[in-house]
Amino acid sequence: AALGTLADSAGSTARQSLVPAAADSVAFARERANALFTSAEHVGYL
């Protein structure tokens, strides 16, 4: 469990750091991009 969580932290940070570049590449507002990213997280939990 510790090993799995250790790797997951790096993955989560990496995906969050990709959001602004992914949004800017299509002139998509960062506020909306982060809202979409966060909505997907809530879907994952639900």
ModelCIF file with pLDDT and N, C-alpha, C, O atoms, coordinates in Angstrom:
data_MODEL
#
_entry.id   MODEL 
#
_entity.id                         1 
_entity.type                       polymer 
_entity.pdbx_number_of_molecules   1 
#
_entity_poly.entity_id                      1 
_entity_poly.type                           'polypeptide(L)' 
_entity_poly.nstd_linkage                   no 
_entity_poly.nstd_monomer                   no 
_entity_poly.pdbx_seq_one_letter_code       AALGTLADSAGSTARQSLVPAAADSVAFARERANALFTSAEHVGYL 
_entity_poly.pdbx_seq_one_letter_code_can   AALGTLADSAGSTARQSLVPAAADSVAFARERANALFTSAEHVGYL 
_entity_poly.pdbx_strand_id                 A 
#
loop_
_entity_poly_seq.entity_id 
_entity_poly_seq.num 
_entity_poly_seq.mon_id 
_entity_poly_seq.hetero 
1 1  ALA n 
1 2  ALA n 
1 3  LEU n 
1 4  GLY n 
1 5  THR n 
1 6  LEU n 
1 7  ALA n 
1 8  ASP n 
1 9  SER n 
1 10 ALA n 
1 11 GLY n 
1 12 SER n 
1 13 THR n 
1 14 ALA n 
1 15 ARG n 
1 16 GLN n 
1 17 SER n 
1 18 LEU n 
1 19 VAL n 
1 20 PRO n 
1 21 ALA n 
1 22 ALA n 
1 23 ALA n 
1 24 ASP n 
1 25 SER n 
1 26 VAL n 
1 27 ALA n 
1 28 PHE n 
1 29 ALA n 
1 30 ARG n 
1 31 GLU n 
1 32 ARG n 
1 33 ALA n 
1 34 ASN n 
1 35 ALA n 
1 36 LEU n 
1 37 PHE n 
1 38 THR n 
1 39 SER n 
1 40 ALA n 
1 41 GLU n 
1 42 HIS n 
1 43 VAL n 
1 44 GLY n 
1 45 TYR n 
1 46 LEU n 
#
_struct_asym.id          A 
_struct_asym.entity_id   1 
#
loop_
_ma_qa_metric.id 
_ma_qa_metric.mode 
_ma_qa_metric.name 
_ma_qa_metric.software_group_id 
_ma_qa_metric.type 
1 global pLDDT . pLDDT 
2 local  pLDDT . pLDDT 
#
_ma_qa_metric_global.metric_id      1 
_ma_qa_metric_global.metric_value   79.74 
_ma_qa_metric_global.model_id       1 
_ma_qa_metric_global.ordinal_id     1 
#
loop_
_ma_qa_metric_local.label_asym_id 
_ma_qa_metric_local.label_comp_id 
_ma_qa_metric_local.label_seq_id 
_ma_qa_metric_local.metric_id 
_ma_qa_metric_local.metric_value 
_ma_qa_metric_local.model_id 
_ma_qa_metric_local.ordinal_id 
A ALA 1  2 78.00 1 1  
A ALA 2  2 79.00 1 2  
A LEU 3  2 81.00 1 3  
A GLY 4  2 75.00 1 4  
A THR 5  2 76.00 1 5  
A LEU 6  2 76.00 1 6  
A ALA 7  2 77.00 1 7  
A ASP 8  2 78.00 1 8  
A SER 9  2 75.00 1 9  
A ALA 10 2 79.00 1 10 
A GLY 11 2 84.00 1 11 
A SER 12 2 81.00 1 12 
A THR 13 2 79.00 1 13 
A ALA 14 2 84.00 1 14 
A ARG 15 2 87.00 1 15 
A GLN 16 2 81.00 1 16 
A SER 17 2 82.00 1 17 
A LEU 18 2 86.00 1 18 
A VAL 19 2 86.00 1 19 
A PRO 20 2 84.00 1 20 
A ALA 21 2 83.00 1 21 
A ALA 22 2 83.00 1 22 
A ALA 23 2 83.00 1 23 
A ASP 24 2 81.00 1 24 
A SER 25 2 77.00 1 25 
A VAL 26 2 76.00 1 26 
A ALA 27 2 78.00 1 27 
A PHE 28 2 81.00 1 28 
A ALA 29 2 82.00 1 29 
A ARG 30 2 82.00 1 30 
A GLU 31 2 83.00 1 31 
A ARG 32 2 84.00 1 32 
A ALA 33 2 84.00 1 33 
A ASN 34 2 85.00 1 34 
A ALA 35 2 84.00 1 35 
A LEU 36 2 83.00 1 36 
A PHE 37 2 84.00 1 37 
A THR 38 2 80.00 1 38 
A SER 39 2 79.00 1 39 
A ALA 40 2 75.00 1 40 
A GLU 41 2 71.00 1 41 
A HIS 42 2 72.00 1 42 
A VAL 43 2 77.00 1 43 
A GLY 44 2 72.00 1 44 
A TYR 45 2 68.00 1 45 
A LEU 46 2 73.00 1 46 
#
loop_
_atom_site.group_PDB 
_atom_site.id 
_atom_site.type_symbol 
_atom_site.label_atom_id 
_atom_site.label_alt_id 
_atom_site.label_comp_id 
_atom_site.label_asym_id 
_atom_site.label_entity_id 
_atom_site.label_seq_id 
_atom_site.pdbx_PDB_ins_code 
_atom_site.Cartn_x 
_atom_site.Cartn_y 
_atom_site.Cartn_z 
_atom_site.occupancy 
_atom_site.B_iso_or_equiv 
_atom_site.pdbx_formal_charge 
_atom_site.auth_seq_id 
_atom_site.auth_comp_id 
_atom_site.auth_asym_id 
_atom_site.auth_atom_id 
_atom_site.pdbx_PDB_model_num 
ATOM 1   N N  . ALA A 1 1  ? 0.841   -1.205 0.000   1.00 78.00 ? 1  ALA A N  1 
ATOM 2   C CA . ALA A 1 1  ? 0.000   0.000  0.000   1.00 78.00 ? 1  ALA A CA 1 
ATOM 3   C C  . ALA A 1 1  ? 0.870   1.248  0.000   1.00 78.00 ? 1  ALA A C  1 
ATOM 4   O O  . ALA A 1 1  ? 0.566   2.218  -0.695  1.00 78.00 ? 1  ALA A O  1 
ATOM 5   N N  . ALA A 1 2  ? 1.951   1.231  0.774   1.00 79.00 ? 2  ALA A N  1 
ATOM 6   C CA . ALA A 1 2  ? 2.857   2.378  0.812   1.00 79.00 ? 2  ALA A CA 1 
ATOM 7   C C  . ALA A 1 2  ? 3.536   2.590  -0.533  1.00 79.00 ? 2  ALA A C  1 
ATOM 8   O O  . ALA A 1 2  ? 3.674   3.728  -0.983  1.00 79.00 ? 2  ALA A O  1 
ATOM 9   N N  . LEU A 1 3  ? 3.962   1.512  -1.180  1.00 81.00 ? 3  LEU A N  1 
ATOM 10  C CA . LEU A 1 3  ? 4.616   1.639  -2.480  1.00 81.00 ? 3  LEU A CA 1 
ATOM 11  C C  . LEU A 1 3  ? 3.653   2.182  -3.532  1.00 81.00 ? 3  LEU A C  1 
ATOM 12  O O  . LEU A 1 3  ? 4.032   3.032  -4.338  1.00 81.00 ? 3  LEU A O  1 
ATOM 13  N N  . GLY A 1 4  ? 2.426   1.703  -3.531  1.00 75.00 ? 4  GLY A N  1 
ATOM 14  C CA . GLY A 1 4  ? 1.444   2.178  -4.498  1.00 75.00 ? 4  GLY A CA 1 
ATOM 15  C C  . GLY A 1 4  ? 1.122   3.646  -4.314  1.00 75.00 ? 4  GLY A C  1 
ATOM 16  O O  . GLY A 1 4  ? 1.003   4.383  -5.293  1.00 75.00 ? 4  GLY A O  1 
ATOM 17  N N  . THR A 1 5  ? 0.979   4.079  -3.072  1.00 76.00 ? 5  THR A N  1 
ATOM 18  C CA . THR A 1 5  ? 0.667   5.481  -2.793  1.00 76.00 ? 5  THR A CA 1 
ATOM 19  C C  . THR A 1 5  ? 1.842   6.384  -3.110  1.00 76.00 ? 5  THR A C  1 
ATOM 20  O O  . THR A 1 5  ? 1.652   7.524  -3.535  1.00 76.00 ? 5  THR A O  1 
ATOM 21  N N  . LEU A 1 6  ? 3.058   5.886  -2.907  1.00 76.00 ? 6  LEU A N  1 
ATOM 22  C CA . LEU A 1 6  ? 4.257   6.673  -3.207  1.00 76.00 ? 6  LEU A CA 1 
ATOM 23  C C  . LEU A 1 6  ? 4.308   7.033  -4.687  1.00 76.00 ? 6  LEU A C  1 
ATOM 24  O O  . LEU A 1 6  ? 4.588   8.177  -5.046  1.00 76.00 ? 6  LEU A O  1 
ATOM 25  N N  . ALA A 1 7  ? 4.037   6.055  -5.539  1.00 77.00 ? 7  ALA A N  1 
ATOM 26  C CA . ALA A 1 7  ? 4.061   6.308  -6.977  1.00 77.00 ? 7  ALA A CA 1 
ATOM 27  C C  . ALA A 1 7  ? 2.895   7.191  -7.401  1.00 77.00 ? 7  ALA A C  1 
ATOM 28  O O  . ALA A 1 7  ? 3.037   8.022  -8.299  1.00 77.00 ? 7  ALA A O  1 
ATOM 29  N N  . ASP A 1 8  ? 1.749   7.016  -6.764  1.00 78.00 ? 8  ASP A N  1 
ATOM 30  C CA . ASP A 1 8  ? 0.558   7.757  -7.163  1.00 78.00 ? 8  ASP A CA 1 
ATOM 31  C C  . ASP A 1 8  ? 0.723   9.264  -6.970  1.00 78.00 ? 8  ASP A C  1 
ATOM 32  O O  . ASP A 1 8  ? 0.191   10.043 -7.761  1.00 78.00 ? 8  ASP A O  1 
ATOM 33  N N  . SER A 1 9  ? 1.440   9.681  -5.947  1.00 75.00 ? 9  SER A N  1 
ATOM 34  C CA . SER A 1 9  ? 1.647   11.111 -5.712  1.00 75.00 ? 9  SER A CA 1 
ATOM 35  C C  . SER A 1 9  ? 2.353   11.766 -6.890  1.00 75.00 ? 9  SER A C  1 
ATOM 36  O O  . SER A 1 9  ? 1.993   12.869 -7.302  1.00 75.00 ? 9  SER A O  1 
ATOM 37  N N  . ALA A 1 10 ? 3.356   11.087 -7.429  1.00 79.00 ? 10 ALA A N  1 
ATOM 38  C CA . ALA A 1 10 ? 4.075   11.632 -8.585  1.00 79.00 ? 10 ALA A CA 1 
ATOM 39  C C  . ALA A 1 10 ? 3.159   11.711 -9.797  1.00 79.00 ? 10 ALA A C  1 
ATOM 40  O O  . ALA A 1 10 ? 3.202   12.690 -10.543 1.00 79.00 ? 10 ALA A O  1 
ATOM 41  N N  . GLY A 1 11 ? 2.328   10.688 -10.003 1.00 84.00 ? 11 GLY A N  1 
ATOM 42  C CA . GLY A 1 11 ? 1.414   10.693 -11.135 1.00 84.00 ? 11 GLY A CA 1 
ATOM 43  C C  . GLY A 1 11 ? 0.398   11.810 -11.055 1.00 84.00 ? 11 GLY A C  1 
ATOM 44  O O  . GLY A 1 11 ? 0.123   12.476 -12.053 1.00 84.00 ? 11 GLY A O  1 
ATOM 45  N N  . SER A 1 12 ? -0.159  12.021 -9.880  1.00 81.00 ? 12 SER A N  1 
ATOM 46  C CA . SER A 1 12 ? -1.146  13.082 -9.696  1.00 81.00 ? 12 SER A CA 1 
ATOM 47  C C  . SER A 1 12 ? -0.527  14.457 -9.961  1.00 81.00 ? 12 SER A C  1 
ATOM 48  O O  . SER A 1 12 ? -1.128  15.299 -10.628 1.00 81.00 ? 12 SER A O  1 
ATOM 49  N N  . THR A 1 13 ? 0.681   14.674 -9.429  1.00 79.00 ? 13 THR A N  1 
ATOM 50  C CA . THR A 1 13 ? 1.368   15.943 -9.657  1.00 79.00 ? 13 THR A CA 1 
ATOM 51  C C  . THR A 1 13 ? 1.645   16.154 -11.141 1.00 79.00 ? 13 THR A C  1 
ATOM 52  O O  . THR A 1 13 ? 1.475   17.259 -11.655 1.00 79.00 ? 13 THR A O  1 
ATOM 53  N N  . ALA A 1 14 ? 2.067   15.109 -11.823 1.00 84.00 ? 14 ALA A N  1 
ATOM 54  C CA . ALA A 1 14 ? 2.368   15.217 -13.252 1.00 84.00 ? 14 ALA A CA 1 
ATOM 55  C C  . ALA A 1 14 ? 1.132   15.601 -14.052 1.00 84.00 ? 14 ALA A C  1 
ATOM 56  O O  . ALA A 1 14 ? 1.200   16.477 -14.914 1.00 84.00 ? 14 ALA A O  1 
ATOM 57  N N  . ARG A 1 15 ? 0.002   14.954 -13.777 1.00 87.00 ? 15 ARG A N  1 
ATOM 58  C CA . ARG A 1 15 ? -1.217  15.259 -14.527 1.00 87.00 ? 15 ARG A CA 1 
ATOM 59  C C  . ARG A 1 15 ? -1.692  16.684 -14.254 1.00 87.00 ? 15 ARG A C  1 
ATOM 60  O O  . ARG A 1 15 ? -2.133  17.376 -15.172 1.00 87.00 ? 15 ARG A O  1 
ATOM 61  N N  . GLN A 1 16 ? -1.604  17.126 -13.004 1.00 81.00 ? 16 GLN A N  1 
ATOM 62  C CA . GLN A 1 16 ? -1.993  18.508 -12.702 1.00 81.00 ? 16 GLN A CA 1 
ATOM 63  C C  . GLN A 1 16 ? -1.105  19.512 -13.426 1.00 81.00 ? 16 GLN A C  1 
ATOM 64  O O  . GLN A 1 16 ? -1.586  20.553 -13.874 1.00 81.00 ? 16 GLN A O  1 
ATOM 65  N N  . SER A 1 17 ? 0.177   19.213 -13.542 1.00 82.00 ? 17 SER A N  1 
ATOM 66  C CA . SER A 1 17 ? 1.099   20.147 -14.200 1.00 82.00 ? 17 SER A CA 1 
ATOM 67  C C  . SER A 1 17 ? 0.890   20.193 -15.706 1.00 82.00 ? 17 SER A C  1 
ATOM 68  O O  . SER A 1 17 ? 1.346   21.133 -16.357 1.00 82.00 ? 17 SER A O  1 
ATOM 69  N N  . LEU A 1 18 ? 0.208   19.195 -16.279 1.00 86.00 ? 18 LEU A N  1 
ATOM 70  C CA . LEU A 1 18 ? -0.070  19.181 -17.712 1.00 86.00 ? 18 LEU A CA 1 
ATOM 71  C C  . LEU A 1 18 ? -1.312  19.983 -18.081 1.00 86.00 ? 18 LEU A C  1 
ATOM 72  O O  . LEU A 1 18 ? -1.490  20.347 -19.243 1.00 86.00 ? 18 LEU A O  1 
ATOM 73  N N  . VAL A 1 19 ? -2.167  20.261 -17.109 1.00 86.00 ? 19 VAL A N  1 
ATOM 74  C CA . VAL A 1 19 ? -3.442  20.913 -17.407 1.00 86.00 ? 19 VAL A CA 1 
ATOM 75  C C  . VAL A 1 19 ? -3.273  22.274 -18.078 1.00 86.00 ? 19 VAL A C  1 
ATOM 76  O O  . VAL A 1 19 ? -3.924  22.513 -19.095 1.00 86.00 ? 19 VAL A O  1 
ATOM 77  N N  . PRO A 1 20 ? -2.429  23.189 -17.563 1.00 84.00 ? 20 PRO A N  1 
ATOM 78  C CA . PRO A 1 20 ? -2.349  24.502 -18.214 1.00 84.00 ? 20 PRO A CA 1 
ATOM 79  C C  . PRO A 1 20 ? -1.866  24.434 -19.653 1.00 84.00 ? 20 PRO A C  1 
ATOM 80  O O  . PRO A 1 20 ? -2.384  25.158 -20.502 1.00 84.00 ? 20 PRO A O  1 
ATOM 81  N N  . ALA A 1 21 ? -0.878  23.577 -19.956 1.00 83.00 ? 21 ALA A N  1 
ATOM 82  C CA . ALA A 1 21 ? -0.393  23.458 -21.331 1.00 83.00 ? 21 ALA A CA 1 
ATOM 83  C C  . ALA A 1 21 ? -1.461  22.854 -22.235 1.00 83.00 ? 21 ALA A C  1 
ATOM 84  O O  . ALA A 1 21 ? -1.623  23.279 -23.379 1.00 83.00 ? 21 ALA A O  1 
ATOM 85  N N  . ALA A 1 22 ? -2.195  21.859 -21.721 1.00 83.00 ? 22 ALA A N  1 
ATOM 86  C CA . ALA A 1 22 ? -3.264  21.261 -22.516 1.00 83.00 ? 22 ALA A CA 1 
ATOM 87  C C  . ALA A 1 22 ? -4.366  22.266 -22.809 1.00 83.00 ? 22 ALA A C  1 
ATOM 88  O O  . ALA A 1 22 ? -4.941  22.259 -23.898 1.00 83.00 ? 22 ALA A O  1 
ATOM 89  N N  . ALA A 1 23 ? -4.664  23.130 -21.846 1.00 83.00 ? 23 ALA A N  1 
ATOM 90  C CA . ALA A 1 23 ? -5.695  24.149 -22.055 1.00 83.00 ? 23 ALA A CA 1 
ATOM 91  C C  . ALA A 1 23 ? -5.202  25.229 -23.013 1.00 83.00 ? 23 ALA A C  1 
ATOM 92  O O  . ALA A 1 23 ? -5.933  25.630 -23.918 1.00 83.00 ? 23 ALA A O  1 
ATOM 93  N N  . ASP A 1 24 ? -3.976  25.703 -22.826 1.00 81.00 ? 24 ASP A N  1 
ATOM 94  C CA . ASP A 1 24 ? -3.446  26.762 -23.673 1.00 81.00 ? 24 ASP A CA 1 
ATOM 95  C C  . ASP A 1 24 ? -3.301  26.315 -25.128 1.00 81.00 ? 24 ASP A C  1 
ATOM 96  O O  . ASP A 1 24 ? -3.396  27.137 -26.040 1.00 81.00 ? 24 ASP A O  1 
ATOM 97  N N  . SER A 1 25 ? -3.073  25.022 -25.350 1.00 77.00 ? 25 SER A N  1 
ATOM 98  C CA . SER A 1 25 ? -2.864  24.537 -26.714 1.00 77.00 ? 25 SER A CA 1 
ATOM 99  C C  . SER A 1 25 ? -4.106  24.685 -27.576 1.00 77.00 ? 25 SER A C  1 
ATOM 100 O O  . SER A 1 25 ? -4.017  24.668 -28.803 1.00 77.00 ? 25 SER A O  1 
ATOM 101 N N  . VAL A 1 26 ? -5.264  24.829 -26.939 1.00 76.00 ? 26 VAL A N  1 
ATOM 102 C CA . VAL A 1 26 ? -6.514  24.997 -27.690 1.00 76.00 ? 26 VAL A CA 1 
ATOM 103 C C  . VAL A 1 26 ? -7.222  26.286 -27.282 1.00 76.00 ? 26 VAL A C  1 
ATOM 104 O O  . VAL A 1 26 ? -8.423  26.434 -27.510 1.00 76.00 ? 26 VAL A O  1 
ATOM 105 N N  . ALA A 1 27 ? -6.481  27.221 -26.678 1.00 78.00 ? 27 ALA A N  1 
ATOM 106 C CA . ALA A 1 27 ? -7.052  28.506 -26.237 1.00 78.00 ? 27 ALA A CA 1 
ATOM 107 C C  . ALA A 1 27 ? -8.275  28.292 -25.354 1.00 78.00 ? 27 ALA A C  1 
ATOM 108 O O  . ALA A 1 27 ? -9.284  28.983 -25.497 1.00 78.00 ? 27 ALA A O  1 
ATOM 109 N N  . PHE A 1 28 ? -8.176  27.322 -24.435 1.00 81.00 ? 28 PHE A N  1 
ATOM 110 C CA . PHE A 1 28 ? -9.254  26.984 -23.510 1.00 81.00 ? 28 PHE A CA 1 
ATOM 111 C C  . PHE A 1 28 ? -8.959  27.644 -22.174 1.00 81.00 ? 28 PHE A C  1 
ATOM 112 O O  . PHE A 1 28 ? -7.844  27.524 -21.666 1.00 81.00 ? 28 PHE A O  1 
ATOM 113 N N  . ALA A 1 29 ? -9.926  28.335 -21.596 1.00 82.00 ? 29 ALA A N  1 
ATOM 114 C CA . ALA A 1 29 ? -9.696  29.045 -20.336 1.00 82.00 ? 29 ALA A CA 1 
ATOM 115 C C  . ALA A 1 29 ? -9.203  28.084 -19.262 1.00 82.00 ? 29 ALA A C  1 
ATOM 116 O O  . ALA A 1 29 ? -9.745  26.991 -19.099 1.00 82.00 ? 29 ALA A O  1 
ATOM 117 N N  . ARG A 1 30 ? -8.176  28.496 -18.534 1.00 82.00 ? 30 ARG A N  1 
ATOM 118 C CA . ARG A 1 30 ? -7.626  27.614 -17.498 1.00 82.00 ? 30 ARG A CA 1 
ATOM 119 C C  . ARG A 1 30 ? -8.635  27.359 -16.380 1.00 82.00 ? 30 ARG A C  1 
ATOM 120 O O  . ARG A 1 30 ? -8.657  26.277 -15.795 1.00 82.00 ? 30 ARG A O  1 
ATOM 121 N N  . GLU A 1 31 ? -9.471  28.359 -16.086 1.00 83.00 ? 31 GLU A N  1 
ATOM 122 C CA . GLU A 1 31 ? -10.497 28.140 -15.059 1.00 83.00 ? 31 GLU A CA 1 
ATOM 123 C C  . GLU A 1 31 ? -11.395 26.967 -15.446 1.00 83.00 ? 31 GLU A C  1 
ATOM 124 O O  . GLU A 1 31 ? -11.709 26.113 -14.618 1.00 83.00 ? 31 GLU A O  1 
ATOM 125 N N  . ARG A 1 32 ? -11.804 26.938 -16.717 1.00 84.00 ? 32 ARG A N  1 
ATOM 126 C CA . ARG A 1 32 ? -12.676 25.851 -17.168 1.00 84.00 ? 32 ARG A CA 1 
ATOM 127 C C  . ARG A 1 32 ? -11.933 24.526 -17.247 1.00 84.00 ? 32 ARG A C  1 
ATOM 128 O O  . ARG A 1 32 ? -12.495 23.472 -16.948 1.00 84.00 ? 32 ARG A O  1 
ATOM 129 N N  . ALA A 1 33 ? -10.670 24.582 -17.649 1.00 84.00 ? 33 ALA A N  1 
ATOM 130 C CA . ALA A 1 33 ? -9.878  23.358 -17.715 1.00 84.00 ? 33 ALA A CA 1 
ATOM 131 C C  . ALA A 1 33 ? -9.707  22.741 -16.326 1.00 84.00 ? 33 ALA A C  1 
ATOM 132 O O  . ALA A 1 33 ? -9.859  21.531 -16.160 1.00 84.00 ? 33 ALA A O  1 
ATOM 133 N N  . ASN A 1 34 ? -9.394  23.564 -15.340 1.00 85.00 ? 34 ASN A N  1 
ATOM 134 C CA . ASN A 1 34 ? -9.235  23.051 -13.978 1.00 85.00 ? 34 ASN A CA 1 
ATOM 135 C C  . ASN A 1 34 ? -10.558 22.569 -13.404 1.00 85.00 ? 34 ASN A C  1 
ATOM 136 O O  . ASN A 1 34 ? -10.591 21.603 -12.642 1.00 85.00 ? 34 ASN A O  1 
ATOM 137 N N  . ALA A 1 35 ? -11.658 23.242 -13.769 1.00 84.00 ? 35 ALA A N  1 
ATOM 138 C CA . ALA A 1 35 ? -12.970 22.786 -13.316 1.00 84.00 ? 35 ALA A CA 1 
ATOM 139 C C  . ALA A 1 35 ? -13.291 21.422 -13.912 1.00 84.00 ? 35 ALA A C  1 
ATOM 140 O O  . ALA A 1 35 ? -13.817 20.549 -13.221 1.00 84.00 ? 35 ALA A O  1 
ATOM 141 N N  . LEU A 1 36 ? -12.979 21.233 -15.195 1.00 83.00 ? 36 LEU A N  1 
ATOM 142 C CA . LEU A 1 36 ? -13.215 19.942 -15.838 1.00 83.00 ? 36 LEU A CA 1 
ATOM 143 C C  . LEU A 1 36 ? -12.357 18.862 -15.204 1.00 83.00 ? 36 LEU A C  1 
ATOM 144 O O  . LEU A 1 36 ? -12.831 17.753 -14.960 1.00 83.00 ? 36 LEU A O  1 
ATOM 145 N N  . PHE A 1 37 ? -11.097 19.182 -14.936 1.00 84.00 ? 37 PHE A N  1 
ATOM 146 C CA . PHE A 1 37 ? -10.179 18.224 -14.317 1.00 84.00 ? 37 PHE A CA 1 
ATOM 147 C C  . PHE A 1 37 ? -10.679 17.826 -12.929 1.00 84.00 ? 37 PHE A C  1 
ATOM 148 O O  . PHE A 1 37 ? -10.657 16.648 -12.572 1.00 84.00 ? 37 PHE A O  1 
ATOM 149 N N  . THR A 1 38 ? -11.130 18.813 -12.148 1.00 80.00 ? 38 THR A N  1 
ATOM 150 C CA . THR A 1 38 ? -11.638 18.544 -10.807 1.00 80.00 ? 38 THR A CA 1 
ATOM 151 C C  . THR A 1 38 ? -12.953 17.774 -10.852 1.00 80.00 ? 38 THR A C  1 
ATOM 152 O O  . THR A 1 38 ? -13.178 16.895 -10.020 1.00 80.00 ? 38 THR A O  1 
ATOM 153 N N  . SER A 1 39 ? -13.826 18.088 -11.810 1.00 79.00 ? 39 SER A N  1 
ATOM 154 C CA . SER A 1 39 ? -15.085 17.360 -11.943 1.00 79.00 ? 39 SER A CA 1 
ATOM 155 C C  . SER A 1 39 ? -14.827 15.880 -12.191 1.00 79.00 ? 39 SER A C  1 
ATOM 156 O O  . SER A 1 39 ? -15.516 15.017 -11.646 1.00 79.00 ? 39 SER A O  1 
ATOM 157 N N  . ALA A 1 40 ? -13.831 15.600 -13.016 1.00 75.00 ? 40 ALA A N  1 
ATOM 158 C CA . ALA A 1 40 ? -13.486 14.205 -13.282 1.00 75.00 ? 40 ALA A CA 1 
ATOM 159 C C  . ALA A 1 40 ? -13.016 13.503 -12.015 1.00 75.00 ? 40 ALA A C  1 
ATOM 160 O O  . ALA A 1 40 ? -13.291 12.319 -11.820 1.00 75.00 ? 40 ALA A O  1 
ATOM 161 N N  . GLU A 1 41 ? -12.299 14.238 -11.142 1.00 71.00 ? 41 GLU A N  1 
ATOM 162 C CA . GLU A 1 41 ? -11.876 13.647 -9.872  1.00 71.00 ? 41 GLU A CA 1 
ATOM 163 C C  . GLU A 1 41 ? -13.084 13.280 -9.010  1.00 71.00 ? 41 GLU A C  1 
ATOM 164 O O  . GLU A 1 41 ? -13.120 12.210 -8.402  1.00 71.00 ? 41 GLU A O  1 
ATOM 165 N N  . HIS A 1 42 ? -14.071 14.177 -8.963  1.00 72.00 ? 42 HIS A N  1 
ATOM 166 C CA . HIS A 1 42 ? -15.272 13.869 -8.184  1.00 72.00 ? 42 HIS A CA 1 
ATOM 167 C C  . HIS A 1 42 ? -16.016 12.674 -8.766  1.00 72.00 ? 42 HIS A C  1 
ATOM 168 O O  . HIS A 1 42 ? -16.547 11.848 -8.023  1.00 72.00 ? 42 HIS A O  1 
ATOM 169 N N  . VAL A 1 43 ? -16.055 12.578 -10.098 1.00 77.00 ? 43 VAL A N  1 
ATOM 170 C CA . VAL A 1 43 ? -16.664 11.409 -10.724 1.00 77.00 ? 43 VAL A CA 1 
ATOM 171 C C  . VAL A 1 43 ? -15.918 10.147 -10.309 1.00 77.00 ? 43 VAL A C  1 
ATOM 172 O O  . VAL A 1 43 ? -16.528 9.113  -10.038 1.00 77.00 ? 43 VAL A O  1 
ATOM 173 N N  . GLY A 1 44 ? -14.588 10.245 -10.263 1.00 72.00 ? 44 GLY A N  1 
ATOM 174 C CA . GLY A 1 44 ? -13.796 9.094  -9.834  1.00 72.00 ? 44 GLY A CA 1 
ATOM 175 C C  . GLY A 1 44 ? -14.150 8.643  -8.434  1.00 72.00 ? 44 GLY A C  1 
ATOM 176 O O  . GLY A 1 44 ? -14.259 7.445  -8.174  1.00 72.00 ? 44 GLY A O  1 
ATOM 177 N N  . TYR A 1 45 ? -14.334 9.600  -7.520  1.00 68.00 ? 45 TYR A N  1 
ATOM 178 C CA . TYR A 1 45 ? -14.701 9.245  -6.148  1.00 68.00 ? 45 TYR A CA 1 
ATOM 179 C C  . TYR A 1 45 ? -16.124 8.678  -6.082  1.00 68.00 ? 45 TYR A C  1 
ATOM 180 O O  . TYR A 1 45 ? -16.372 7.689  -5.392  1.00 68.00 ? 45 TYR A O  1 
ATOM 181 N N  . LEU A 1 46 ? -17.053 9.313  -6.804  1.00 73.00 ? 46 LEU A N  1 
ATOM 182 C CA . LEU A 1 46 ? -18.443 8.868  -6.752  1.00 73.00 ? 46 LEU A CA 1 
ATOM 183 C C  . LEU A 1 46 ? -18.611 7.487  -7.360  1.00 73.00 ? 46 LEU A C  1 
ATOM 184 O O  . LEU A 1 46 ? -19.723 6.960  -7.398  1.00 73.00 ? 46 LEU A O  1 
#
